[in-house]
Amino acid sequence: MTSPHDAVVPDTEPDPRPALTPAFLGGERDTLEGWLEVYRASVFVKIAGLTAEQLAQRSVPPSTMSPLGLVRHLTEVERYWLTDVALGQDSPDLYSSREDPGGDFTQATAATAHEDVTAYRLEIATAREHLARLKDLDAPVAGTRRGQPVNLRWILSHLVEEYARHLGHLDLLREAIDGRTGY
């Protein structure tokens, strides 16, 4: 069992940065999936070496944003888009609900940090499996978004946008925690 003082994502993990570039001449799907993988890996780079307490550290009030809150949010984003919408399934919410839509951000604590990062890793693996089953970028997927049909191209484009936005947040949060900037 890890203590709150141990890094949840150790700095000793292999450095994924050299591999963080999608193919320059890839097709549309390879490019979209490539950028999604770059951004998924970037989350782990940005939280590497943080303790459970640092992961749960919130930014300046009134914001409730923390690195761990973003990890939890991205876990739910992966599940929602690549399980619920893409496959038309109705999976249980992990952290937020209609009663507490911000639960993924506001309920993140040092006590759940290791479990939350592990859940994120597992959700990414599940999302990759689901994505591999989907072949057509153009055809509507099995589920809908607010009752409207969407296709895989839209989902992948949205995921890239969602990750890019939240990685910017992670940059600022990490810098506020320990001064680390960059990749």
N, C-alpha and C. Protein backbone atom coordinates (compact mmCIF):
# COMPACT_ATOMS: atom_id res chain seq x y z
N MET A 1 0.85 -1.18 0.00
CA MET A 1 0.00 0.00 0.00
C MET A 1 0.89 1.24 0.00
N THR A 2 0.50 2.22 -0.79
CA THR A 2 1.29 3.44 -0.87
C THR A 2 0.85 4.42 0.21
N SER A 3 1.80 5.20 0.67
CA SER A 3 1.45 6.26 1.61
C SER A 3 1.13 7.52 0.82
N PRO A 4 0.44 8.48 1.42
CA PRO A 4 0.13 9.72 0.71
C PRO A 4 1.38 10.47 0.27
N HIS A 5 2.54 10.08 0.83
CA HIS A 5 3.79 10.77 0.49
C HIS A 5 4.52 10.12 -0.67
N ASP A 6 4.11 8.92 -1.06
CA ASP A 6 4.72 8.24 -2.20
C ASP A 6 4.14 8.76 -3.49
N ALA A 7 4.98 8.84 -4.50
CA ALA A 7 4.49 9.27 -5.81
C ALA A 7 3.53 8.21 -6.34
N VAL A 8 2.36 8.66 -6.78
CA VAL A 8 1.36 7.74 -7.33
C VAL A 8 1.80 7.30 -8.72
N VAL A 9 2.34 8.20 -9.50
CA VAL A 9 2.92 7.89 -10.81
C VAL A 9 4.40 8.20 -10.70
N PRO A 10 5.24 7.18 -10.49
CA PRO A 10 6.66 7.46 -10.25
C PRO A 10 7.35 8.06 -11.46
N ASP A 11 8.37 8.86 -11.18
CA ASP A 11 9.19 9.42 -12.25
C ASP A 11 10.05 8.34 -12.90
N THR A 12 10.12 7.17 -12.30
CA THR A 12 10.97 6.10 -12.82
C THR A 12 10.30 5.29 -13.92
N GLU A 13 9.06 5.62 -14.26
CA GLU A 13 8.42 4.93 -15.38
C GLU A 13 9.14 5.31 -16.66
N PRO A 14 9.11 4.45 -17.68
CA PRO A 14 9.77 4.80 -18.94
C PRO A 14 9.22 6.13 -19.47
N ASP A 15 10.12 6.95 -19.98
CA ASP A 15 9.74 8.26 -20.49
C ASP A 15 9.05 8.09 -21.84
N PRO A 16 7.75 8.40 -21.92
CA PRO A 16 7.03 8.20 -23.19
C PRO A 16 7.24 9.32 -24.20
N ARG A 17 7.96 10.38 -23.84
CA ARG A 17 8.06 11.53 -24.73
C ARG A 17 8.62 11.24 -26.12
N PRO A 18 9.68 10.45 -26.26
CA PRO A 18 10.17 10.24 -27.62
C PRO A 18 9.14 9.64 -28.57
N ALA A 19 8.20 8.89 -28.06
CA ALA A 19 7.18 8.25 -28.90
C ALA A 19 5.94 9.13 -29.09
N LEU A 20 5.95 10.33 -28.54
CA LEU A 20 4.76 11.16 -28.55
C LEU A 20 4.63 11.98 -29.83
N THR A 21 4.53 11.30 -30.95
CA THR A 21 4.29 11.98 -32.21
C THR A 21 3.52 11.03 -33.12
N PRO A 22 2.33 11.43 -33.57
CA PRO A 22 1.65 10.57 -34.53
C PRO A 22 2.36 10.63 -35.88
N ALA A 23 2.06 9.68 -36.73
CA ALA A 23 2.68 9.63 -38.05
C ALA A 23 2.42 10.92 -38.81
N PHE A 24 3.44 11.48 -39.41
CA PHE A 24 3.30 12.72 -40.17
C PHE A 24 2.49 12.54 -41.45
N LEU A 25 2.50 11.35 -41.99
CA LEU A 25 1.77 11.09 -43.24
C LEU A 25 0.65 10.08 -43.04
N GLY A 26 0.12 10.00 -41.83
CA GLY A 26 -0.94 9.04 -41.53
C GLY A 26 -2.26 9.44 -42.16
N GLY A 27 -3.12 8.46 -42.32
CA GLY A 27 -4.47 8.72 -42.78
C GLY A 27 -5.27 9.39 -41.68
N GLU A 28 -6.50 9.72 -41.98
CA GLU A 28 -7.33 10.45 -41.03
C GLU A 28 -7.50 9.71 -39.70
N ARG A 29 -7.88 8.46 -39.76
CA ARG A 29 -8.10 7.72 -38.52
C ARG A 29 -6.80 7.56 -37.74
N ASP A 30 -5.72 7.20 -38.44
CA ASP A 30 -4.44 7.05 -37.75
C ASP A 30 -4.01 8.35 -37.09
N THR A 31 -4.26 9.47 -37.76
CA THR A 31 -3.90 10.77 -37.20
C THR A 31 -4.74 11.09 -35.97
N LEU A 32 -6.04 10.90 -36.06
CA LEU A 32 -6.91 11.17 -34.91
C LEU A 32 -6.56 10.28 -33.73
N GLU A 33 -6.41 8.98 -33.98
CA GLU A 33 -6.06 8.07 -32.89
C GLU A 33 -4.65 8.36 -32.38
N GLY A 34 -3.76 8.75 -33.29
CA GLY A 34 -2.40 9.08 -32.88
C GLY A 34 -2.35 10.24 -31.91
N TRP A 35 -3.08 11.32 -32.25
CA TRP A 35 -3.11 12.46 -31.32
C TRP A 35 -3.80 12.10 -30.01
N LEU A 36 -4.83 11.28 -30.06
CA LEU A 36 -5.47 10.84 -28.82
C LEU A 36 -4.47 10.09 -27.94
N GLU A 37 -3.67 9.23 -28.54
CA GLU A 37 -2.66 8.49 -27.77
C GLU A 37 -1.58 9.42 -27.22
N VAL A 38 -1.18 10.40 -28.00
CA VAL A 38 -0.21 11.39 -27.52
C VAL A 38 -0.75 12.07 -26.27
N TYR A 39 -1.99 12.49 -26.33
CA TYR A 39 -2.57 13.21 -25.20
C TYR A 39 -2.81 12.31 -24.00
N ARG A 40 -3.20 11.07 -24.23
CA ARG A 40 -3.34 10.14 -23.11
C ARG A 40 -2.01 9.96 -22.39
N ALA A 41 -0.96 9.73 -23.17
CA ALA A 41 0.37 9.56 -22.58
C ALA A 41 0.84 10.83 -21.88
N SER A 42 0.48 11.98 -22.43
CA SER A 42 0.90 13.25 -21.84
C SER A 42 0.32 13.45 -20.44
N VAL A 43 -0.86 12.93 -20.19
CA VAL A 43 -1.44 13.03 -18.85
C VAL A 43 -0.50 12.38 -17.84
N PHE A 44 0.00 11.19 -18.17
CA PHE A 44 0.89 10.49 -17.25
C PHE A 44 2.23 11.21 -17.09
N VAL A 45 2.72 11.83 -18.14
CA VAL A 45 3.95 12.61 -18.05
C VAL A 45 3.73 13.78 -17.09
N LYS A 46 2.59 14.43 -17.21
CA LYS A 46 2.32 15.64 -16.42
C LYS A 46 2.05 15.35 -14.94
N ILE A 47 1.61 14.13 -14.62
CA ILE A 47 1.37 13.82 -13.21
C ILE A 47 2.49 12.96 -12.61
N ALA A 48 3.48 12.63 -13.42
CA ALA A 48 4.58 11.77 -12.93
C ALA A 48 5.27 12.39 -11.73
N GLY A 49 5.50 11.57 -10.73
CA GLY A 49 6.22 11.99 -9.54
C GLY A 49 5.40 12.69 -8.49
N LEU A 50 4.14 12.96 -8.76
CA LEU A 50 3.30 13.64 -7.75
C LEU A 50 2.85 12.66 -6.68
N THR A 51 2.83 13.13 -5.46
CA THR A 51 2.28 12.33 -4.37
C THR A 51 0.76 12.38 -4.44
N ALA A 52 0.12 11.55 -3.66
CA ALA A 52 -1.34 11.55 -3.60
C ALA A 52 -1.85 12.92 -3.15
N GLU A 53 -1.17 13.50 -2.18
CA GLU A 53 -1.58 14.82 -1.69
C GLU A 53 -1.44 15.89 -2.78
N GLN A 54 -0.35 15.82 -3.54
CA GLN A 54 -0.16 16.79 -4.62
C GLN A 54 -1.18 16.59 -5.73
N LEU A 55 -1.49 15.34 -6.04
CA LEU A 55 -2.49 15.07 -7.07
C LEU A 55 -3.84 15.67 -6.69
N ALA A 56 -4.15 15.66 -5.41
CA ALA A 56 -5.45 16.16 -4.94
C ALA A 56 -5.42 17.66 -4.64
N GLN A 57 -4.27 18.30 -4.76
CA GLN A 57 -4.15 19.73 -4.45
C GLN A 57 -4.95 20.55 -5.45
N ARG A 58 -5.80 21.41 -4.91
CA ARG A 58 -6.67 22.24 -5.74
C ARG A 58 -5.99 23.55 -6.11
N SER A 59 -6.45 24.09 -7.22
CA SER A 59 -5.90 25.37 -7.66
C SER A 59 -6.49 26.50 -6.82
N VAL A 60 -6.35 27.68 -7.28
CA VAL A 60 -6.80 28.86 -6.56
C VAL A 60 -8.33 28.90 -6.49
N PRO A 61 -8.90 29.11 -5.29
CA PRO A 61 -10.35 29.22 -5.18
C PRO A 61 -10.87 30.36 -6.04
N PRO A 62 -12.04 30.26 -6.58
CA PRO A 62 -13.09 29.31 -6.27
C PRO A 62 -13.00 28.00 -7.08
N SER A 63 -11.97 27.84 -7.89
CA SER A 63 -11.86 26.63 -8.68
C SER A 63 -11.66 25.41 -7.79
N THR A 64 -12.26 24.30 -8.20
CA THR A 64 -12.08 23.03 -7.48
C THR A 64 -11.16 22.11 -8.27
N MET A 65 -10.52 22.64 -9.30
CA MET A 65 -9.71 21.82 -10.18
C MET A 65 -8.42 21.36 -9.50
N SER A 66 -8.11 20.09 -9.69
CA SER A 66 -6.86 19.50 -9.21
C SER A 66 -6.38 18.53 -10.29
N PRO A 67 -5.10 18.16 -10.27
CA PRO A 67 -4.66 17.15 -11.24
C PRO A 67 -5.49 15.87 -11.15
N LEU A 68 -5.78 15.44 -9.94
CA LEU A 68 -6.56 14.22 -9.78
C LEU A 68 -7.99 14.40 -10.26
N GLY A 69 -8.57 15.56 -10.03
CA GLY A 69 -9.90 15.83 -10.54
C GLY A 69 -9.93 15.73 -12.06
N LEU A 70 -8.88 16.21 -12.71
CA LEU A 70 -8.81 16.10 -14.18
C LEU A 70 -8.65 14.65 -14.61
N VAL A 71 -7.84 13.88 -13.89
CA VAL A 71 -7.70 12.46 -14.21
C VAL A 71 -9.05 11.76 -14.09
N ARG A 72 -9.76 12.04 -13.02
CA ARG A 72 -11.08 11.43 -12.82
C ARG A 72 -12.04 11.86 -13.94
N HIS A 73 -12.00 13.14 -14.29
CA HIS A 73 -12.86 13.64 -15.37
C HIS A 73 -12.53 12.93 -16.68
N LEU A 74 -11.26 12.81 -17.01
CA LEU A 74 -10.87 12.15 -18.26
C LEU A 74 -11.23 10.67 -18.25
N THR A 75 -11.25 10.05 -17.09
CA THR A 75 -11.72 8.67 -16.97
C THR A 75 -13.17 8.58 -17.40
N GLU A 76 -13.98 9.50 -16.89
CA GLU A 76 -15.40 9.52 -17.27
C GLU A 76 -15.59 9.90 -18.73
N VAL A 77 -14.77 10.79 -19.24
CA VAL A 77 -14.84 11.19 -20.65
C VAL A 77 -14.59 9.97 -21.54
N GLU A 78 -13.54 9.22 -21.24
CA GLU A 78 -13.23 8.00 -22.01
C GLU A 78 -14.42 7.04 -21.99
N ARG A 79 -14.96 6.81 -20.80
CA ARG A 79 -16.07 5.86 -20.66
C ARG A 79 -17.31 6.35 -21.40
N TYR A 80 -17.64 7.61 -21.21
CA TYR A 80 -18.85 8.14 -21.84
C TYR A 80 -18.77 8.04 -23.37
N TRP A 81 -17.70 8.56 -23.96
CA TRP A 81 -17.64 8.64 -25.41
C TRP A 81 -17.37 7.31 -26.09
N LEU A 82 -16.50 6.48 -25.52
CA LEU A 82 -16.11 5.26 -26.22
C LEU A 82 -16.81 4.00 -25.72
N THR A 83 -17.65 4.14 -24.72
CA THR A 83 -18.51 3.02 -24.29
C THR A 83 -19.97 3.40 -24.48
N ASP A 84 -20.40 4.44 -23.79
CA ASP A 84 -21.81 4.81 -23.81
C ASP A 84 -22.27 5.30 -25.18
N VAL A 85 -21.57 6.27 -25.75
CA VAL A 85 -22.00 6.83 -27.03
C VAL A 85 -21.59 5.92 -28.18
N ALA A 86 -20.32 5.58 -28.29
CA ALA A 86 -19.84 4.82 -29.44
C ALA A 86 -20.49 3.45 -29.55
N LEU A 87 -20.67 2.77 -28.40
CA LEU A 87 -21.24 1.42 -28.43
C LEU A 87 -22.70 1.38 -28.03
N GLY A 88 -23.25 2.51 -27.61
CA GLY A 88 -24.65 2.56 -27.21
C GLY A 88 -24.94 1.87 -25.89
N GLN A 89 -23.94 1.74 -25.04
CA GLN A 89 -24.12 1.11 -23.74
C GLN A 89 -24.48 2.15 -22.69
N ASP A 90 -24.95 1.69 -21.57
CA ASP A 90 -25.30 2.57 -20.46
C ASP A 90 -24.49 2.14 -19.25
N SER A 91 -23.23 2.58 -19.21
CA SER A 91 -22.36 2.17 -18.11
C SER A 91 -22.61 3.06 -16.89
N PRO A 92 -22.32 2.53 -15.71
CA PRO A 92 -22.53 3.33 -14.50
C PRO A 92 -21.53 4.49 -14.43
N ASP A 93 -21.99 5.60 -13.86
CA ASP A 93 -21.09 6.72 -13.64
C ASP A 93 -20.06 6.32 -12.60
N LEU A 94 -18.86 6.82 -12.77
CA LEU A 94 -17.80 6.52 -11.82
C LEU A 94 -17.72 7.54 -10.70
N TYR A 95 -17.75 8.81 -11.06
CA TYR A 95 -17.51 9.85 -10.07
C TYR A 95 -18.61 10.91 -10.03
N SER A 96 -19.18 11.23 -11.14
CA SER A 96 -20.21 12.25 -11.17
C SER A 96 -21.56 11.61 -11.44
N SER A 97 -22.59 12.39 -11.28
CA SER A 97 -23.95 11.91 -11.54
C SER A 97 -24.80 13.12 -11.87
N ARG A 98 -26.04 12.89 -12.22
CA ARG A 98 -26.94 14.02 -12.47
C ARG A 98 -27.14 14.84 -11.21
N GLU A 99 -27.08 14.18 -10.06
CA GLU A 99 -27.23 14.89 -8.79
C GLU A 99 -25.96 15.65 -8.43
N ASP A 100 -24.80 15.16 -8.85
CA ASP A 100 -23.51 15.79 -8.55
C ASP A 100 -22.66 15.79 -9.82
N PRO A 101 -23.01 16.65 -10.79
CA PRO A 101 -22.32 16.62 -12.07
C PRO A 101 -20.84 16.99 -11.98
N GLY A 102 -20.42 17.63 -10.94
CA GLY A 102 -19.01 17.98 -10.78
C GLY A 102 -18.26 17.06 -9.87
N GLY A 103 -18.84 15.93 -9.53
CA GLY A 103 -18.23 15.00 -8.58
C GLY A 103 -16.86 14.52 -9.00
N ASP A 104 -16.63 14.40 -10.29
CA ASP A 104 -15.31 13.96 -10.73
C ASP A 104 -14.24 14.96 -10.30
N PHE A 105 -14.56 16.24 -10.31
CA PHE A 105 -13.60 17.25 -9.88
C PHE A 105 -13.61 17.46 -8.37
N THR A 106 -14.78 17.56 -7.78
CA THR A 106 -14.88 18.01 -6.39
C THR A 106 -14.63 16.93 -5.35
N GLN A 107 -14.76 15.67 -5.71
CA GLN A 107 -14.61 14.61 -4.72
C GLN A 107 -13.23 13.95 -4.76
N ALA A 108 -12.30 14.46 -5.56
CA ALA A 108 -10.96 13.88 -5.65
C ALA A 108 -10.19 14.16 -4.36
N THR A 109 -9.65 13.10 -3.76
CA THR A 109 -8.89 13.23 -2.52
C THR A 109 -7.62 12.39 -2.59
N ALA A 110 -6.69 12.71 -1.72
CA ALA A 110 -5.45 11.94 -1.65
C ALA A 110 -5.72 10.47 -1.34
N ALA A 111 -6.75 10.21 -0.54
CA ALA A 111 -7.07 8.83 -0.16
C ALA A 111 -7.44 7.95 -1.35
N THR A 112 -7.98 8.56 -2.41
CA THR A 112 -8.40 7.76 -3.57
C THR A 112 -7.45 7.89 -4.76
N ALA A 113 -6.34 8.60 -4.59
CA ALA A 113 -5.47 8.93 -5.73
C ALA A 113 -4.97 7.69 -6.47
N HIS A 114 -4.41 6.74 -5.77
CA HIS A 114 -3.87 5.55 -6.44
C HIS A 114 -4.98 4.80 -7.18
N GLU A 115 -6.10 4.62 -6.52
CA GLU A 115 -7.25 3.94 -7.13
C GLU A 115 -7.76 4.70 -8.35
N ASP A 116 -7.80 6.01 -8.28
CA ASP A 116 -8.30 6.83 -9.38
C ASP A 116 -7.37 6.78 -10.60
N VAL A 117 -6.05 6.84 -10.37
CA VAL A 117 -5.11 6.75 -11.49
C VAL A 117 -5.18 5.36 -12.11
N THR A 118 -5.33 4.34 -11.28
CA THR A 118 -5.47 2.97 -11.80
C THR A 118 -6.75 2.84 -12.62
N ALA A 119 -7.84 3.43 -12.16
CA ALA A 119 -9.10 3.39 -12.91
C ALA A 119 -8.95 4.07 -14.25
N TYR A 120 -8.20 5.15 -14.30
CA TYR A 120 -7.94 5.86 -15.56
C TYR A 120 -7.19 4.95 -16.53
N ARG A 121 -6.14 4.30 -16.05
CA ARG A 121 -5.38 3.37 -16.90
C ARG A 121 -6.29 2.28 -17.46
N LEU A 122 -7.12 1.71 -16.60
CA LEU A 122 -8.02 0.63 -17.03
C LEU A 122 -9.06 1.13 -18.02
N GLU A 123 -9.57 2.33 -17.80
CA GLU A 123 -10.58 2.87 -18.71
C GLU A 123 -9.98 3.15 -20.09
N ILE A 124 -8.74 3.60 -20.12
CA ILE A 124 -8.08 3.79 -21.41
C ILE A 124 -7.94 2.46 -22.13
N ALA A 125 -7.56 1.42 -21.42
CA ALA A 125 -7.42 0.10 -22.05
C ALA A 125 -8.76 -0.38 -22.60
N THR A 126 -9.82 -0.19 -21.84
CA THR A 126 -11.16 -0.58 -22.30
C THR A 126 -11.56 0.25 -23.51
N ALA A 127 -11.30 1.55 -23.46
CA ALA A 127 -11.65 2.42 -24.58
C ALA A 127 -10.90 2.02 -25.85
N ARG A 128 -9.64 1.63 -25.72
CA ARG A 128 -8.87 1.16 -26.88
C ARG A 128 -9.52 -0.09 -27.49
N GLU A 129 -9.94 -1.00 -26.63
CA GLU A 129 -10.62 -2.22 -27.12
C GLU A 129 -11.89 -1.86 -27.87
N HIS A 130 -12.66 -0.96 -27.32
CA HIS A 130 -13.91 -0.55 -27.97
C HIS A 130 -13.63 0.14 -29.29
N LEU A 131 -12.65 1.01 -29.29
CA LEU A 131 -12.29 1.73 -30.51
C LEU A 131 -11.85 0.78 -31.62
N ALA A 132 -11.15 -0.27 -31.26
CA ALA A 132 -10.69 -1.25 -32.25
C ALA A 132 -11.86 -1.96 -32.94
N ARG A 133 -12.99 -2.05 -32.25
CA ARG A 133 -14.17 -2.71 -32.82
C ARG A 133 -14.92 -1.81 -33.80
N LEU A 134 -14.68 -0.52 -33.74
CA LEU A 134 -15.38 0.44 -34.59
C LEU A 134 -14.53 0.71 -35.83
N LYS A 135 -15.09 0.47 -37.00
CA LYS A 135 -14.30 0.55 -38.23
C LYS A 135 -14.54 1.81 -39.06
N ASP A 136 -15.76 2.31 -39.08
CA ASP A 136 -16.14 3.36 -40.01
C ASP A 136 -16.18 4.72 -39.32
N LEU A 137 -15.42 5.68 -39.83
CA LEU A 137 -15.44 7.04 -39.29
C LEU A 137 -16.73 7.77 -39.61
N ASP A 138 -17.38 7.41 -40.71
CA ASP A 138 -18.53 8.17 -41.21
C ASP A 138 -19.89 7.72 -40.69
N ALA A 139 -20.06 6.43 -40.47
CA ALA A 139 -21.37 5.90 -40.09
C ALA A 139 -21.73 6.33 -38.67
N PRO A 140 -23.01 6.58 -38.41
CA PRO A 140 -23.42 6.88 -37.04
C PRO A 140 -23.06 5.71 -36.11
N VAL A 141 -22.61 6.04 -34.93
CA VAL A 141 -22.29 5.01 -33.93
C VAL A 141 -23.60 4.53 -33.28
N ALA A 142 -23.49 3.52 -32.43
CA ALA A 142 -24.69 2.90 -31.85
C ALA A 142 -25.46 3.83 -30.92
N GLY A 143 -24.77 4.69 -30.20
CA GLY A 143 -25.44 5.59 -29.27
C GLY A 143 -25.62 6.97 -29.86
N THR A 144 -26.12 7.87 -29.03
CA THR A 144 -26.34 9.26 -29.46
C THR A 144 -25.79 10.21 -28.41
N ARG A 145 -25.68 11.46 -28.80
CA ARG A 145 -25.30 12.52 -27.87
C ARG A 145 -26.48 13.46 -27.77
N ARG A 146 -27.12 13.48 -26.60
CA ARG A 146 -28.31 14.30 -26.38
C ARG A 146 -29.36 14.04 -27.45
N GLY A 147 -29.53 12.77 -27.79
CA GLY A 147 -30.53 12.36 -28.75
C GLY A 147 -30.15 12.53 -30.21
N GLN A 148 -28.97 13.07 -30.45
CA GLN A 148 -28.51 13.30 -31.82
C GLN A 148 -27.48 12.25 -32.23
N PRO A 149 -27.59 11.74 -33.47
CA PRO A 149 -26.58 10.78 -33.92
C PRO A 149 -25.23 11.47 -34.12
N VAL A 150 -24.17 10.74 -33.85
CA VAL A 150 -22.80 11.21 -34.10
C VAL A 150 -22.03 10.08 -34.76
N ASN A 151 -20.93 10.43 -35.41
CA ASN A 151 -20.09 9.39 -35.99
C ASN A 151 -18.76 9.35 -35.25
N LEU A 152 -17.97 8.33 -35.57
CA LEU A 152 -16.70 8.14 -34.88
C LEU A 152 -15.74 9.29 -35.14
N ARG A 153 -15.76 9.88 -36.31
CA ARG A 153 -14.91 11.02 -36.62
C ARG A 153 -15.18 12.15 -35.62
N TRP A 154 -16.45 12.44 -35.37
CA TRP A 154 -16.80 13.50 -34.44
C TRP A 154 -16.31 13.16 -33.04
N ILE A 155 -16.51 11.92 -32.62
CA ILE A 155 -16.08 11.50 -31.28
C ILE A 155 -14.57 11.65 -31.12
N LEU A 156 -13.81 11.14 -32.08
CA LEU A 156 -12.35 11.24 -31.98
C LEU A 156 -11.89 12.68 -32.01
N SER A 157 -12.49 13.50 -32.87
CA SER A 157 -12.13 14.93 -32.91
C SER A 157 -12.43 15.59 -31.58
N HIS A 158 -13.57 15.27 -31.00
CA HIS A 158 -13.93 15.84 -29.71
C HIS A 158 -12.98 15.38 -28.61
N LEU A 159 -12.61 14.12 -28.61
CA LEU A 159 -11.68 13.63 -27.59
C LEU A 159 -10.33 14.35 -27.68
N VAL A 160 -9.84 14.56 -28.89
CA VAL A 160 -8.59 15.29 -29.07
C VAL A 160 -8.73 16.70 -28.50
N GLU A 161 -9.84 17.36 -28.80
CA GLU A 161 -10.09 18.70 -28.27
C GLU A 161 -10.19 18.69 -26.75
N GLU A 162 -10.91 17.74 -26.21
CA GLU A 162 -11.10 17.66 -24.75
C GLU A 162 -9.76 17.46 -24.04
N TYR A 163 -8.97 16.54 -24.54
CA TYR A 163 -7.66 16.31 -23.94
C TYR A 163 -6.76 17.54 -24.07
N ALA A 164 -6.73 18.16 -25.24
CA ALA A 164 -5.86 19.32 -25.43
C ALA A 164 -6.19 20.42 -24.42
N ARG A 165 -7.47 20.67 -24.23
CA ARG A 165 -7.90 21.70 -23.29
C ARG A 165 -7.47 21.35 -21.87
N HIS A 166 -7.70 20.11 -21.46
CA HIS A 166 -7.39 19.74 -20.08
C HIS A 166 -5.89 19.57 -19.84
N LEU A 167 -5.13 19.26 -20.88
CA LEU A 167 -3.68 19.21 -20.70
C LEU A 167 -3.13 20.61 -20.42
N GLY A 168 -3.75 21.63 -20.99
CA GLY A 168 -3.37 22.99 -20.65
C GLY A 168 -3.65 23.29 -19.18
N HIS A 169 -4.77 22.80 -18.69
CA HIS A 169 -5.06 22.96 -17.26
C HIS A 169 -4.01 22.23 -16.43
N LEU A 170 -3.67 21.01 -16.83
CA LEU A 170 -2.68 20.23 -16.08
C LEU A 170 -1.32 20.94 -16.06
N ASP A 171 -0.96 21.58 -17.16
CA ASP A 171 0.29 22.34 -17.19
C ASP A 171 0.31 23.38 -16.08
N LEU A 172 -0.76 24.15 -15.97
CA LEU A 172 -0.82 25.21 -14.98
C LEU A 172 -0.87 24.66 -13.55
N LEU A 173 -1.63 23.59 -13.36
CA LEU A 173 -1.73 22.99 -12.03
C LEU A 173 -0.38 22.45 -11.58
N ARG A 174 0.32 21.76 -12.49
CA ARG A 174 1.62 21.19 -12.14
C ARG A 174 2.61 22.30 -11.80
N GLU A 175 2.62 23.36 -12.58
CA GLU A 175 3.53 24.45 -12.31
C GLU A 175 3.26 25.06 -10.93
N ALA A 176 1.97 25.18 -10.56
CA ALA A 176 1.62 25.74 -9.25
C ALA A 176 2.04 24.81 -8.10
N ILE A 177 2.06 23.50 -8.36
CA ILE A 177 2.40 22.54 -7.31
C ILE A 177 3.90 22.51 -7.04
N ASP A 178 4.69 22.37 -8.10
CA ASP A 178 6.14 22.19 -7.86
C ASP A 178 7.03 22.93 -8.86
N GLY A 179 6.44 23.79 -9.66
CA GLY A 179 7.24 24.57 -10.60
C GLY A 179 7.61 23.87 -11.88
N ARG A 180 7.26 22.60 -12.00
CA ARG A 180 7.61 21.85 -13.21
C ARG A 180 6.80 22.36 -14.39
N THR A 181 7.46 22.62 -15.48
CA THR A 181 6.80 23.10 -16.68
C THR A 181 7.24 22.25 -17.87
N GLY A 182 6.58 22.45 -18.98
CA GLY A 182 6.97 21.75 -20.19
C GLY A 182 6.22 20.48 -20.39
N TYR A 183 6.82 19.61 -21.13
CA TYR A 183 6.17 18.38 -21.52
C TYR A 183 5.50 17.78 -20.35
